């Protein structure tokens, strides 16, 4: 059974840093892709970053490019993906979700590209 669990959210001041972790257990597929999305109150869930086992260049949305960095670490049955968030701004405040898929997708920036979702972790950046 695949489980996706996020951790690492919290409250930070503008300019601060946080590191989010996403552990996708039970992931024994040859191919995997994991993405980070975020949803602010009253807004649509948006793609932030993604990375895949094919080792293509990781993706970062323009709004976070140069400030956020995605990376991955593989163990036997678990893929762990980190999102290092630096120079945080109040507009980064949102619930951050991790999502995983074992199917090759063309974009990986859409919600329905992913089969498995975590419960979300709150990130709040105070001004």
C-alpha atoms as a PDB file:
ATOM      1  CA  UNK A   1       0.000   0.000   0.000  1.00  0.00           C
ATOM      2  CA  UNK A   2       1.363   3.412  -0.971  1.00  0.00           C
ATOM      3  CA  UNK A   3       1.318   6.122   1.670  1.00  0.00           C
ATOM      4  CA  UNK A   4       2.383   9.727   1.223  1.00  0.00           C
ATOM      5  CA  UNK A   5       3.176  11.760   4.326  1.00  0.00           C
ATOM      6  CA  UNK A   6       4.366  15.370   4.482  1.00  0.00           C
ATOM      7  CA  UNK A   7       6.123  17.047   7.382  1.00  0.00           C
ATOM      8  CA  UNK A   8       8.085  20.189   8.155  1.00  0.00           C
ATOM      9  CA  UNK A   9       5.562  22.983   7.900  1.00  0.00           C
ATOM     10  CA  UNK A  10       5.311  25.765  10.446  1.00  0.00           C
ATOM     11  CA  UNK A  11       5.379  29.484  11.131  1.00  0.00           C
ATOM     12  CA  UNK A  12       8.327  31.553   9.951  1.00  0.00           C
ATOM     13  CA  UNK A  13       9.078  35.230   9.457  1.00  0.00           C
ATOM     14  CA  UNK A  14       9.582  36.850   6.070  1.00  0.00           C
ATOM     15  CA  UNK A  15      13.006  35.949   4.736  1.00  0.00           C
ATOM     16  CA  UNK A  16      13.199  32.779   6.776  1.00  0.00           C
ATOM     17  CA  UNK A  17      13.585  29.171   5.672  1.00  0.00           C
ATOM     18  CA  UNK A  18      11.745  25.885   6.067  1.00  0.00           C
ATOM     19  CA  UNK A  19      12.358  22.400   4.728  1.00  0.00           C
ATOM     20  CA  UNK A  20       9.387  20.232   3.865  1.00  0.00           C
ATOM     21  CA  UNK A  21       9.717  16.456   3.628  1.00  0.00           C
ATOM     22  CA  UNK A  22       7.537  14.011   1.728  1.00  0.00           C
ATOM     23  CA  UNK A  23       7.878  10.286   2.366  1.00  0.00           C
ATOM     24  CA  UNK A  24       6.200   8.044  -0.204  1.00  0.00           C
ATOM     25  CA  UNK A  25       6.314   4.537   1.268  1.00  0.00           C
ATOM     26  CA  UNK A  26       5.432   1.363  -0.566  1.00  0.00           C
ATOM     27  CA  UNK A  27       6.825   2.930  -3.737  1.00  0.00           C
ATOM     28  CA  UNK A  28       8.537   0.022  -5.443  1.00  0.00           C
ATOM     29  CA  UNK A  29       7.955   1.081  -9.043  1.00  0.00           C
ATOM     30  CA  UNK A  30      10.666   1.494 -11.637  1.00  0.00           C
ATOM     31  CA  UNK A  31       9.454   4.996 -12.367  1.00  0.00           C
ATOM     32  CA  UNK A  32       8.171   7.557  -9.906  1.00  0.00           C
ATOM     33  CA  UNK A  33       7.448  11.241  -9.863  1.00  0.00           C
ATOM     34  CA  UNK A  34       6.666  13.393  -6.858  1.00  0.00           C
ATOM     35  CA  UNK A  35       5.323  16.886  -6.912  1.00  0.00           C
ATOM     36  CA  UNK A  36       4.663  19.657  -4.436  1.00  0.00           C
ATOM     37  CA  UNK A  37       1.497  21.721  -4.709  1.00  0.00           C
ATOM     38  CA  UNK A  38       0.171  24.500  -2.521  1.00  0.00           C
ATOM     39  CA  UNK A  39      -3.221  25.991  -1.873  1.00  0.00           C
ATOM     40  CA  UNK A  40      -3.791  29.357  -0.260  1.00  0.00           C
ATOM     41  CA  UNK A  41      -7.222  30.304   1.171  1.00  0.00           C
ATOM     42  CA  UNK A  42      -9.642  31.130  -1.618  1.00  0.00           C
ATOM     43  CA  UNK A  43      -7.219  30.117  -4.349  1.00  0.00           C
ATOM     44  CA  UNK A  44      -6.738  27.140  -6.643  1.00  0.00           C
ATOM     45  CA  UNK A  45      -4.190  24.478  -5.795  1.00  0.00           C
ATOM     46  CA  UNK A  46      -1.073  25.235  -7.802  1.00  0.00           C
ATOM     47  CA  UNK A  47       2.026  23.312  -8.788  1.00  0.00           C
ATOM     48  CA  UNK A  48       5.190  24.412  -7.014  1.00  0.00           C
ATOM     49  CA  UNK A  49       7.839  21.869  -7.927  1.00  0.00           C
ATOM     50  CA  UNK A  50       8.347  18.290  -9.055  1.00  0.00           C
ATOM     51  CA  UNK A  51      11.062  15.699  -9.529  1.00  0.00           C
ATOM     52  CA  UNK A  52      11.145  12.240 -11.079  1.00  0.00           C
ATOM     53  CA  UNK A  53      13.253   9.102 -11.119  1.00  0.00           C
ATOM     54  CA  UNK A  54      14.200   9.716 -14.742  1.00  0.00           C
ATOM     55  CA  UNK A  55      16.614  12.389 -13.488  1.00  0.00           C
ATOM     56  CA  UNK A  56      15.385  15.053 -15.872  1.00  0.00           C
ATOM     57  CA  UNK A  57      15.875  18.551 -14.537  1.00  0.00           C
ATOM     58  CA  UNK A  58      13.613  19.230 -11.576  1.00  0.00           C
ATOM     59  CA  UNK A  59      10.814  21.731 -12.140  1.00  0.00           C
ATOM     60  CA  UNK A  60      10.214  24.852 -10.088  1.00  0.00           C
ATOM     61  CA  UNK A  61       7.396  27.284 -10.736  1.00  0.00           C
ATOM     62  CA  UNK A  62       8.467  30.801 -11.705  1.00  0.00           C
ATOM     63  CA  UNK A  63       7.071  32.150  -8.432  1.00  0.00           C
ATOM     64  CA  UNK A  64       9.562  30.069  -6.401  1.00  0.00           C
ATOM     65  CA  UNK A  65      12.492  29.706  -8.797  1.00  0.00           C
ATOM     66  CA  UNK A  66      15.758  30.688  -7.132  1.00  0.00           C
ATOM     67  CA  UNK A  67      14.229  30.388  -3.656  1.00  0.00           C
ATOM     68  CA  UNK A  68      12.926  26.801  -3.459  1.00  0.00           C
ATOM     69  CA  UNK A  69      14.926  23.664  -4.256  1.00  0.00           C
ATOM     70  CA  UNK A  70      13.548  20.154  -4.616  1.00  0.00           C
ATOM     71  CA  UNK A  71      15.686  17.061  -4.022  1.00  0.00           C
ATOM     72  CA  UNK A  72      15.163  13.351  -3.498  1.00  0.00           C
ATOM     73  CA  UNK A  73      16.564  10.447  -1.534  1.00  0.00           C
ATOM     74  CA  UNK A  74      15.738   6.806  -2.321  1.00  0.00           C
ATOM     75  CA  UNK A  75      15.627   3.967   0.171  1.00  0.00           C
ATOM     76  CA  UNK A  76      14.459   0.409  -0.484  1.00  0.00           C
ATOM     77  CA  UNK A  77      10.703   0.944  -0.490  1.00  0.00           C
ATOM     78  CA  UNK A  78      10.447   4.644   0.246  1.00  0.00           C
ATOM     79  CA  UNK A  79      11.095   7.734  -1.803  1.00  0.00           C
ATOM     80  CA  UNK A  80      11.705  10.864   0.241  1.00  0.00           C
ATOM     81  CA  UNK A  81      11.516  14.242  -1.444  1.00  0.00           C
ATOM     82  CA  UNK A  82      12.532  17.484   0.196  1.00  0.00           C
ATOM     83  CA  UNK A  83      11.510  21.018  -0.600  1.00  0.00           C
ATOM     84  CA  UNK A  84      14.001  23.522   0.766  1.00  0.00           C
ATOM     85  CA  UNK A  85      12.282  26.892   0.951  1.00  0.00           C
ATOM     86  CA  UNK A  86      14.447  29.961   1.441  1.00  0.00           C
ATOM     87  CA  UNK A  87      13.706  33.693   1.370  1.00  0.00           C
ATOM     88  CA  UNK A  88      10.096  33.000   2.240  1.00  0.00           C
ATOM     89  CA  UNK A  89       7.477  35.638   1.542  1.00  0.00           C
ATOM     90  CA  UNK A  90       3.983  36.153   2.982  1.00  0.00           C
ATOM     91  CA  UNK A  91       2.558  35.097  -0.392  1.00  0.00           C
ATOM     92  CA  UNK A  92       4.116  31.653   0.139  1.00  0.00           C
ATOM     93  CA  UNK A  93       1.618  31.073   2.942  1.00  0.00           C
ATOM     94  CA  UNK A  94      -0.483  28.040   2.029  1.00  0.00           C
ATOM     95  CA  UNK A  95      -1.153  24.413   2.760  1.00  0.00           C
ATOM     96  CA  UNK A  96       1.538  22.448   0.946  1.00  0.00           C
ATOM     97  CA  UNK A  97       0.650  19.049  -0.465  1.00  0.00           C
ATOM     98  CA  UNK A  98       2.869  16.271  -1.715  1.00  0.00           C
ATOM     99  CA  UNK A  99       1.645  14.013  -4.510  1.00  0.00           C
ATOM    100  CA  UNK A 100       3.085  10.908  -6.141  1.00  0.00           C
ATOM    101  CA  UNK A 101       2.607   8.873  -9.273  1.00  0.00           C
ATOM    102  CA  UNK A 102       4.167   5.781 -10.834  1.00  0.00           C
ATOM    103  CA  UNK A 103       2.928   6.648 -14.317  1.00  0.00           C
ATOM    104  CA  UNK A 104       4.843   8.692 -16.834  1.00  0.00           C
ATOM    105  CA  UNK A 105       2.989  11.957 -17.405  1.00  0.00           C
ATOM    106  CA  UNK A 106       3.617  14.688 -19.928  1.00  0.00           C
ATOM    107  CA  UNK A 107       3.460  17.634 -17.564  1.00  0.00           C
ATOM    108  CA  UNK A 108       3.417  16.703 -13.855  1.00  0.00           C
ATOM    109  CA  UNK A 109       2.021  20.161 -13.076  1.00  0.00           C
ATOM    110  CA  UNK A 110      -1.644  19.182 -12.962  1.00  0.00           C
ATOM    111  CA  UNK A 111      -3.483  17.687 -10.004  1.00  0.00           C
ATOM    112  CA  UNK A 112      -4.798  14.754 -12.006  1.00  0.00           C
ATOM    113  CA  UNK A 113      -1.264  13.763 -13.016  1.00  0.00           C
ATOM    114  CA  UNK A 114      -0.936  12.191  -9.558  1.00  0.00           C
ATOM    115  CA  UNK A 115      -2.509   9.127  -7.958  1.00  0.00           C
ATOM    116  CA  UNK A 116      -1.481   9.524  -4.338  1.00  0.00           C
ATOM    117  CA  UNK A 117      -1.729  12.584  -2.099  1.00  0.00           C
ATOM    118  CA  UNK A 118      -0.604  13.472   1.381  1.00  0.00           C
ATOM    119  CA  UNK A 119      -2.723  15.215   3.982  1.00  0.00           C
ATOM    120  CA  UNK A 120      -0.987  18.582   3.609  1.00  0.00           C
ATOM    121  CA  UNK A 121       1.182  20.683   5.890  1.00  0.00           C
ATOM    122  CA  UNK A 122       0.595  24.335   6.755  1.00  0.00           C
ATOM    123  CA  UNK A 123       3.258  26.920   5.962  1.00  0.00           C
ATOM    124  CA  UNK A 124       2.667  30.393   7.349  1.00  0.00           C
ATOM    125  CA  UNK A 125       5.006  33.292   6.616  1.00  0.00           C
ATOM    126  CA  UNK A 126       4.482  36.348   8.789  1.00  0.00           C
ATOM    127  CA  UNK A 127       5.302  39.846   7.591  1.00  0.00           C
END
